[in-house]
Amino acid sequence: MDLKMDVPALNAFLQGVFEQVADDFIVETVSPYRLTVRLTIGDKHLRPGGTISGPSMFALADVAAYLVTLAHIGPQALAVTTNCAIDFMRKPPAGVDLIGEARLLKLGKQLSVSDVMITSHGMVEPVARASLTYAIPPAPRGRG
């Protein structure tokens, strides 16, 4: 399958459309059906107990699934999450970036389904795993 967006285009899209969080995420790789994105961890991502918060890990999974979908359909800002299930498996250490590895499992006309494995940079074992479904906006109809 041909990609519609490469790494620079995906990073630029985040900066242009989601500037409020764009500095937290860096797309590192993209290839057919796969994408890797880094969450740069700062104090705002931490929770009591010396670990990274669940909402931060959810955000990484959500952004990774969104971007792997856009890499294949093009820059459609109105694609939205319709379902997410996430398993938190290990406590990631505070202050270490998280890596989300997204795998596009199905891409249809209306929905995309992805899995995202989240690891702490330098760890082999995953800290979380998520399954997400995105609704794809309908293609614009021509005038007639």
N, C-alpha and C. Protein backbone atom coordinates (compact mmCIF):
# COMPACT_ATOMS: atom_id res chain seq x y z
N MET A 1 0.84 -1.18 0.00
CA MET A 1 0.00 0.00 0.00
C MET A 1 0.88 1.24 0.00
N ASP A 2 0.56 2.20 -0.81
CA ASP A 2 1.32 3.45 -0.89
C ASP A 2 0.98 4.35 0.28
N LEU A 3 2.00 5.04 0.78
CA LEU A 3 1.79 6.01 1.84
C LEU A 3 1.40 7.35 1.25
N LYS A 4 0.50 8.05 1.93
CA LYS A 4 0.08 9.38 1.49
C LYS A 4 0.85 10.48 2.24
N MET A 5 1.46 10.11 3.41
CA MET A 5 2.22 11.08 4.20
C MET A 5 3.48 10.39 4.72
N ASP A 6 4.61 11.13 4.66
CA ASP A 6 5.86 10.61 5.19
C ASP A 6 6.14 11.24 6.55
N VAL A 7 7.29 10.94 7.14
CA VAL A 7 7.63 11.43 8.48
C VAL A 7 7.57 12.96 8.55
N PRO A 8 8.24 13.71 7.65
CA PRO A 8 8.17 15.17 7.75
C PRO A 8 6.73 15.69 7.61
N ALA A 9 5.94 15.11 6.73
CA ALA A 9 4.55 15.57 6.54
C ALA A 9 3.72 15.30 7.79
N LEU A 10 3.92 14.17 8.43
CA LEU A 10 3.17 13.85 9.65
C LEU A 10 3.55 14.78 10.79
N ASN A 11 4.84 15.04 10.97
CA ASN A 11 5.27 15.96 12.02
C ASN A 11 4.78 17.37 11.75
N ALA A 12 4.81 17.81 10.49
CA ALA A 12 4.30 19.13 10.13
C ALA A 12 2.79 19.21 10.36
N PHE A 13 2.07 18.15 10.05
CA PHE A 13 0.63 18.11 10.28
C PHE A 13 0.33 18.30 11.76
N LEU A 14 1.05 17.59 12.61
CA LEU A 14 0.84 17.75 14.06
C LEU A 14 1.08 19.19 14.48
N GLN A 15 2.15 19.79 13.99
CA GLN A 15 2.46 21.18 14.35
C GLN A 15 1.37 22.14 13.87
N GLY A 16 0.81 21.88 12.70
CA GLY A 16 -0.18 22.78 12.13
C GLY A 16 -1.58 22.62 12.69
N VAL A 17 -1.95 21.39 13.05
CA VAL A 17 -3.33 21.12 13.46
C VAL A 17 -3.48 20.91 14.96
N PHE A 18 -2.45 20.37 15.60
CA PHE A 18 -2.51 20.08 17.04
C PHE A 18 -1.33 20.71 17.76
N GLU A 19 -1.15 22.01 17.54
CA GLU A 19 0.02 22.68 18.11
C GLU A 19 0.06 22.62 19.64
N GLN A 20 -1.11 22.43 20.29
CA GLN A 20 -1.15 22.38 21.75
C GLN A 20 -0.42 21.16 22.32
N VAL A 21 -0.29 20.08 21.54
CA VAL A 21 0.42 18.88 22.02
C VAL A 21 1.53 18.45 21.07
N ALA A 22 1.68 19.12 19.97
CA ALA A 22 2.62 18.67 18.93
C ALA A 22 4.05 18.56 19.44
N ASP A 23 4.47 19.40 20.36
CA ASP A 23 5.84 19.36 20.84
C ASP A 23 6.11 18.12 21.71
N ASP A 24 5.06 17.45 22.15
CA ASP A 24 5.22 16.23 22.96
C ASP A 24 5.52 15.00 22.11
N PHE A 25 5.11 15.02 20.84
CA PHE A 25 5.18 13.83 19.99
C PHE A 25 6.10 14.04 18.80
N ILE A 26 6.89 13.02 18.50
CA ILE A 26 7.77 13.06 17.33
C ILE A 26 7.59 11.76 16.56
N VAL A 27 7.13 11.87 15.33
CA VAL A 27 7.06 10.69 14.47
C VAL A 27 8.48 10.34 14.07
N GLU A 28 8.88 9.10 14.33
CA GLU A 28 10.24 8.67 14.03
C GLU A 28 10.33 7.85 12.76
N THR A 29 9.37 6.94 12.54
CA THR A 29 9.40 6.12 11.33
C THR A 29 7.98 5.90 10.84
N VAL A 30 7.87 5.70 9.54
CA VAL A 30 6.59 5.30 8.95
C VAL A 30 6.89 4.41 7.75
N SER A 31 6.12 3.36 7.62
CA SER A 31 6.22 2.45 6.49
C SER A 31 4.83 1.85 6.30
N PRO A 32 4.60 1.13 5.21
CA PRO A 32 3.26 0.57 5.03
C PRO A 32 2.82 -0.23 6.26
N TYR A 33 1.68 0.17 6.78
CA TYR A 33 1.02 -0.48 7.92
C TYR A 33 1.72 -0.28 9.26
N ARG A 34 2.76 0.52 9.33
CA ARG A 34 3.49 0.70 10.59
C ARG A 34 3.95 2.14 10.77
N LEU A 35 4.03 2.53 12.06
CA LEU A 35 4.50 3.87 12.40
C LEU A 35 5.06 3.81 13.81
N THR A 36 6.11 4.57 14.06
CA THR A 36 6.68 4.71 15.40
C THR A 36 6.68 6.18 15.77
N VAL A 37 6.16 6.46 16.98
CA VAL A 37 6.12 7.84 17.47
C VAL A 37 6.64 7.85 18.90
N ARG A 38 7.37 8.91 19.23
CA ARG A 38 7.96 9.09 20.56
C ARG A 38 7.16 10.13 21.33
N LEU A 39 6.89 9.83 22.60
CA LEU A 39 6.33 10.81 23.52
C LEU A 39 7.48 11.30 24.39
N THR A 40 7.81 12.58 24.24
CA THR A 40 8.88 13.18 25.01
C THR A 40 8.34 13.49 26.41
N ILE A 41 8.84 12.79 27.39
CA ILE A 41 8.31 12.87 28.75
C ILE A 41 8.84 14.11 29.47
N GLY A 42 7.91 14.81 30.12
CA GLY A 42 8.23 15.95 30.98
C GLY A 42 7.45 15.82 32.28
N ASP A 43 7.59 16.79 33.16
CA ASP A 43 6.90 16.75 34.46
C ASP A 43 5.39 16.63 34.32
N LYS A 44 4.81 17.22 33.28
CA LYS A 44 3.35 17.18 33.12
C LYS A 44 2.82 15.78 32.83
N HIS A 45 3.69 14.84 32.47
CA HIS A 45 3.28 13.48 32.16
C HIS A 45 3.38 12.53 33.36
N LEU A 46 3.86 13.03 34.48
CA LEU A 46 4.10 12.18 35.64
C LEU A 46 2.93 12.19 36.61
N ARG A 47 2.85 11.12 37.39
CA ARG A 47 1.83 11.00 38.43
C ARG A 47 2.53 10.62 39.73
N PRO A 48 1.82 10.76 40.85
CA PRO A 48 2.42 10.33 42.11
C PRO A 48 2.84 8.86 42.03
N GLY A 49 3.93 8.53 42.68
CA GLY A 49 4.44 7.18 42.65
C GLY A 49 5.61 7.02 41.71
N GLY A 50 6.02 8.11 41.08
CA GLY A 50 7.21 8.08 40.23
C GLY A 50 7.05 7.33 38.93
N THR A 51 5.93 7.54 38.27
CA THR A 51 5.71 6.88 36.99
C THR A 51 4.98 7.81 36.04
N ILE A 52 4.84 7.38 34.81
CA ILE A 52 4.14 8.16 33.79
C ILE A 52 2.65 7.86 33.91
N SER A 53 1.84 8.87 33.77
CA SER A 53 0.40 8.74 33.97
C SER A 53 -0.27 7.92 32.86
N GLY A 54 -1.36 7.26 33.23
CA GLY A 54 -2.17 6.53 32.26
C GLY A 54 -2.68 7.41 31.14
N PRO A 55 -3.20 8.62 31.45
CA PRO A 55 -3.66 9.49 30.36
C PRO A 55 -2.55 9.84 29.37
N SER A 56 -1.31 9.94 29.82
CA SER A 56 -0.21 10.21 28.89
C SER A 56 0.03 9.02 27.97
N MET A 57 -0.04 7.81 28.55
CA MET A 57 0.13 6.62 27.71
C MET A 57 -1.04 6.46 26.74
N PHE A 58 -2.26 6.78 27.20
CA PHE A 58 -3.41 6.75 26.29
C PHE A 58 -3.20 7.73 25.15
N ALA A 59 -2.74 8.94 25.47
CA ALA A 59 -2.52 9.95 24.43
C ALA A 59 -1.52 9.44 23.39
N LEU A 60 -0.45 8.78 23.83
CA LEU A 60 0.53 8.23 22.88
C LEU A 60 -0.11 7.19 21.98
N ALA A 61 -0.90 6.29 22.56
CA ALA A 61 -1.56 5.26 21.75
C ALA A 61 -2.52 5.90 20.76
N ASP A 62 -3.28 6.88 21.21
CA ASP A 62 -4.26 7.54 20.36
C ASP A 62 -3.59 8.29 19.20
N VAL A 63 -2.54 9.03 19.51
CA VAL A 63 -1.81 9.77 18.47
C VAL A 63 -1.17 8.81 17.48
N ALA A 64 -0.59 7.72 17.97
CA ALA A 64 0.05 6.76 17.08
C ALA A 64 -0.96 6.13 16.12
N ALA A 65 -2.13 5.74 16.63
CA ALA A 65 -3.16 5.14 15.77
C ALA A 65 -3.69 6.16 14.77
N TYR A 66 -3.87 7.39 15.22
CA TYR A 66 -4.32 8.47 14.35
C TYR A 66 -3.33 8.69 13.20
N LEU A 67 -2.05 8.77 13.56
CA LEU A 67 -1.04 9.07 12.55
C LEU A 67 -0.79 7.92 11.59
N VAL A 68 -0.86 6.66 12.06
CA VAL A 68 -0.68 5.56 11.12
C VAL A 68 -1.86 5.52 10.14
N THR A 69 -3.03 5.92 10.61
CA THR A 69 -4.19 6.02 9.70
C THR A 69 -3.96 7.13 8.68
N LEU A 70 -3.57 8.31 9.16
CA LEU A 70 -3.35 9.44 8.24
C LEU A 70 -2.23 9.17 7.25
N ALA A 71 -1.22 8.44 7.67
CA ALA A 71 -0.12 8.11 6.75
C ALA A 71 -0.66 7.39 5.52
N HIS A 72 -1.78 6.69 5.67
CA HIS A 72 -2.35 5.91 4.57
C HIS A 72 -3.52 6.58 3.85
N ILE A 73 -4.20 7.52 4.51
CA ILE A 73 -5.35 8.18 3.88
C ILE A 73 -5.10 9.64 3.55
N GLY A 74 -4.03 10.22 4.09
CA GLY A 74 -3.74 11.63 3.86
C GLY A 74 -4.22 12.48 5.03
N PRO A 75 -3.93 13.78 4.98
CA PRO A 75 -4.19 14.67 6.11
C PRO A 75 -5.67 15.01 6.29
N GLN A 76 -6.36 14.16 7.01
CA GLN A 76 -7.78 14.38 7.30
C GLN A 76 -7.94 14.61 8.80
N ALA A 77 -7.95 15.87 9.19
CA ALA A 77 -7.98 16.22 10.61
C ALA A 77 -9.21 15.70 11.31
N LEU A 78 -10.29 15.46 10.60
CA LEU A 78 -11.54 15.06 11.24
C LEU A 78 -11.71 13.56 11.43
N ALA A 79 -10.69 12.76 11.18
CA ALA A 79 -10.73 11.35 11.57
C ALA A 79 -10.76 11.34 13.10
N VAL A 80 -11.63 10.51 13.69
CA VAL A 80 -11.81 10.54 15.15
C VAL A 80 -11.79 9.13 15.74
N THR A 81 -11.36 9.06 16.99
CA THR A 81 -11.36 7.80 17.72
C THR A 81 -12.80 7.39 18.00
N THR A 82 -13.14 6.14 17.69
CA THR A 82 -14.47 5.62 18.03
C THR A 82 -14.39 4.54 19.10
N ASN A 83 -13.21 3.95 19.29
CA ASN A 83 -13.07 2.92 20.31
C ASN A 83 -11.61 2.80 20.71
N CYS A 84 -11.38 2.53 22.00
CA CYS A 84 -10.03 2.27 22.48
C CYS A 84 -10.11 1.33 23.68
N ALA A 85 -9.26 0.33 23.67
CA ALA A 85 -9.05 -0.53 24.83
C ALA A 85 -7.56 -0.54 25.09
N ILE A 86 -7.18 -0.30 26.34
CA ILE A 86 -5.75 -0.23 26.66
C ILE A 86 -5.46 -1.08 27.88
N ASP A 87 -4.35 -1.81 27.81
CA ASP A 87 -3.87 -2.61 28.93
C ASP A 87 -2.58 -1.98 29.42
N PHE A 88 -2.55 -1.63 30.71
CA PHE A 88 -1.34 -1.12 31.34
C PHE A 88 -0.65 -2.31 31.99
N MET A 89 0.57 -2.64 31.54
CA MET A 89 1.20 -3.89 31.95
C MET A 89 2.38 -3.73 32.89
N ARG A 90 3.13 -2.66 32.75
CA ARG A 90 4.30 -2.45 33.60
C ARG A 90 4.41 -0.96 33.91
N LYS A 91 5.05 -0.68 35.02
CA LYS A 91 5.27 0.71 35.44
C LYS A 91 6.47 1.29 34.69
N PRO A 92 6.22 2.27 33.80
CA PRO A 92 7.37 2.88 33.12
C PRO A 92 8.09 3.84 34.06
N PRO A 93 9.41 3.89 33.96
CA PRO A 93 10.14 4.82 34.83
C PRO A 93 9.88 6.27 34.44
N ALA A 94 9.84 7.13 35.45
CA ALA A 94 9.64 8.56 35.21
C ALA A 94 10.85 9.12 34.47
N GLY A 95 10.60 10.09 33.60
CA GLY A 95 11.68 10.79 32.94
C GLY A 95 12.27 10.10 31.73
N VAL A 96 11.71 8.94 31.34
CA VAL A 96 12.21 8.23 30.16
C VAL A 96 11.13 8.27 29.09
N ASP A 97 11.50 8.68 27.88
CA ASP A 97 10.53 8.79 26.79
C ASP A 97 9.84 7.45 26.53
N LEU A 98 8.60 7.54 26.06
CA LEU A 98 7.86 6.36 25.65
C LEU A 98 7.82 6.27 24.14
N ILE A 99 7.83 5.06 23.63
CA ILE A 99 7.78 4.80 22.19
C ILE A 99 6.50 4.04 21.89
N GLY A 100 5.71 4.55 20.96
CA GLY A 100 4.50 3.87 20.51
C GLY A 100 4.73 3.29 19.12
N GLU A 101 4.58 1.99 19.01
CA GLU A 101 4.73 1.31 17.72
C GLU A 101 3.34 0.89 17.26
N ALA A 102 2.83 1.61 16.25
CA ALA A 102 1.49 1.36 15.74
C ALA A 102 1.54 0.42 14.55
N ARG A 103 0.55 -0.46 14.51
CA ARG A 103 0.41 -1.39 13.38
C ARG A 103 -1.02 -1.27 12.88
N LEU A 104 -1.19 -0.88 11.64
CA LEU A 104 -2.50 -0.76 11.03
C LEU A 104 -2.97 -2.15 10.63
N LEU A 105 -4.06 -2.61 11.25
CA LEU A 105 -4.55 -3.96 11.02
C LEU A 105 -5.58 -4.02 9.90
N LYS A 106 -6.41 -2.97 9.79
CA LYS A 106 -7.44 -2.92 8.75
C LYS A 106 -7.71 -1.48 8.40
N LEU A 107 -7.78 -1.22 7.12
CA LEU A 107 -8.12 0.11 6.64
C LEU A 107 -9.26 -0.03 5.65
N GLY A 108 -10.44 0.43 6.06
CA GLY A 108 -11.60 0.41 5.19
C GLY A 108 -11.97 1.81 4.76
N LYS A 109 -13.13 1.95 4.14
CA LYS A 109 -13.58 3.27 3.70
C LYS A 109 -14.05 4.13 4.87
N GLN A 110 -14.58 3.48 5.92
CA GLN A 110 -15.14 4.23 7.04
C GLN A 110 -14.39 4.06 8.35
N LEU A 111 -13.65 2.95 8.49
CA LEU A 111 -12.96 2.68 9.75
C LEU A 111 -11.54 2.19 9.52
N SER A 112 -10.69 2.51 10.48
CA SER A 112 -9.36 1.89 10.53
C SER A 112 -9.19 1.28 11.92
N VAL A 113 -8.50 0.15 11.97
CA VAL A 113 -8.25 -0.55 13.22
C VAL A 113 -6.75 -0.71 13.38
N SER A 114 -6.24 -0.33 14.56
CA SER A 114 -4.80 -0.38 14.82
C SER A 114 -4.52 -0.96 16.19
N ASP A 115 -3.34 -1.54 16.33
CA ASP A 115 -2.78 -1.92 17.62
C ASP A 115 -1.57 -1.03 17.86
N VAL A 116 -1.37 -0.66 19.12
CA VAL A 116 -0.20 0.14 19.47
C VAL A 116 0.47 -0.50 20.67
N MET A 117 1.74 -0.83 20.52
CA MET A 117 2.55 -1.35 21.61
C MET A 117 3.39 -0.20 22.14
N ILE A 118 3.35 0.01 23.45
CA ILE A 118 4.09 1.12 24.07
C ILE A 118 5.21 0.55 24.92
N THR A 119 6.42 1.03 24.66
CA THR A 119 7.57 0.65 25.47
C THR A 119 8.23 1.90 26.02
N SER A 120 8.94 1.72 27.11
CA SER A 120 9.76 2.79 27.66
C SER A 120 11.10 2.70 26.94
N HIS A 121 11.61 3.83 26.48
CA HIS A 121 12.86 3.83 25.71
C HIS A 121 13.93 3.05 26.46
N GLY A 122 14.49 2.04 25.79
CA GLY A 122 15.53 1.23 26.38
C GLY A 122 15.03 -0.06 27.02
N MET A 123 13.71 -0.20 27.19
CA MET A 123 13.15 -1.43 27.75
C MET A 123 12.69 -2.34 26.62
N VAL A 124 12.79 -3.63 26.80
CA VAL A 124 12.32 -4.60 25.82
C VAL A 124 10.84 -4.90 26.03
N GLU A 125 10.44 -5.08 27.29
CA GLU A 125 9.06 -5.44 27.60
C GLU A 125 8.14 -4.23 27.43
N PRO A 126 6.94 -4.46 26.89
CA PRO A 126 5.99 -3.35 26.75
C PRO A 126 5.45 -2.88 28.09
N VAL A 127 5.14 -1.59 28.18
CA VAL A 127 4.50 -1.05 29.38
C VAL A 127 2.99 -0.97 29.19
N ALA A 128 2.53 -0.91 27.94
CA ALA A 128 1.10 -0.87 27.65
C ALA A 128 0.85 -1.34 26.22
N ARG A 129 -0.39 -1.76 25.98
CA ARG A 129 -0.83 -2.16 24.65
C ARG A 129 -2.24 -1.65 24.46
N ALA A 130 -2.52 -1.12 23.28
CA ALA A 130 -3.84 -0.56 23.02
C ALA A 130 -4.35 -1.02 21.66
N SER A 131 -5.65 -1.15 21.57
CA SER A 131 -6.33 -1.42 20.31
C SER A 131 -7.29 -0.27 20.07
N LEU A 132 -7.19 0.35 18.90
CA LEU A 132 -7.99 1.54 18.61
C LEU A 132 -8.69 1.43 17.27
N THR A 133 -9.87 2.00 17.21
CA THR A 133 -10.63 2.12 15.95
C THR A 133 -10.86 3.60 15.69
N TYR A 134 -10.61 4.00 14.47
CA TYR A 134 -10.82 5.38 14.02
C TYR A 134 -11.90 5.42 12.96
N ALA A 135 -12.78 6.42 13.06
CA ALA A 135 -13.75 6.68 12.00
C ALA A 135 -13.10 7.63 11.01
N ILE A 136 -13.22 7.29 9.74
CA ILE A 136 -12.65 8.08 8.67
C ILE A 136 -13.77 8.92 8.06
N PRO A 137 -13.57 10.23 7.95
CA PRO A 137 -14.64 11.05 7.37
C PRO A 137 -14.89 10.67 5.91
N PRO A 138 -16.15 10.81 5.48
CA PRO A 138 -16.46 10.47 4.09
C PRO A 138 -15.70 11.40 3.13
N ALA A 139 -15.39 10.86 1.96
CA ALA A 139 -14.72 11.66 0.94
C ALA A 139 -15.69 12.76 0.48
N PRO A 140 -15.16 13.94 0.23
CA PRO A 140 -16.03 15.03 -0.24
C PRO A 140 -16.70 14.66 -1.56
N ARG A 141 -17.95 14.99 -1.64
CA ARG A 141 -18.68 14.72 -2.89
C ARG A 141 -18.44 15.84 -3.88
N GLY A 142 -18.35 15.46 -5.12
CA GLY A 142 -18.15 16.46 -6.18
C GLY A 142 -19.42 17.26 -6.41
N ARG A 143 -19.27 18.42 -6.95
CA ARG A 143 -20.43 19.25 -7.26
C ARG A 143 -21.10 18.72 -8.50
N GLY A 144 -22.35 18.75 -8.51
CA GLY A 144 -22.98 18.25 -9.69
C GLY A 144 -24.37 18.63 -9.73
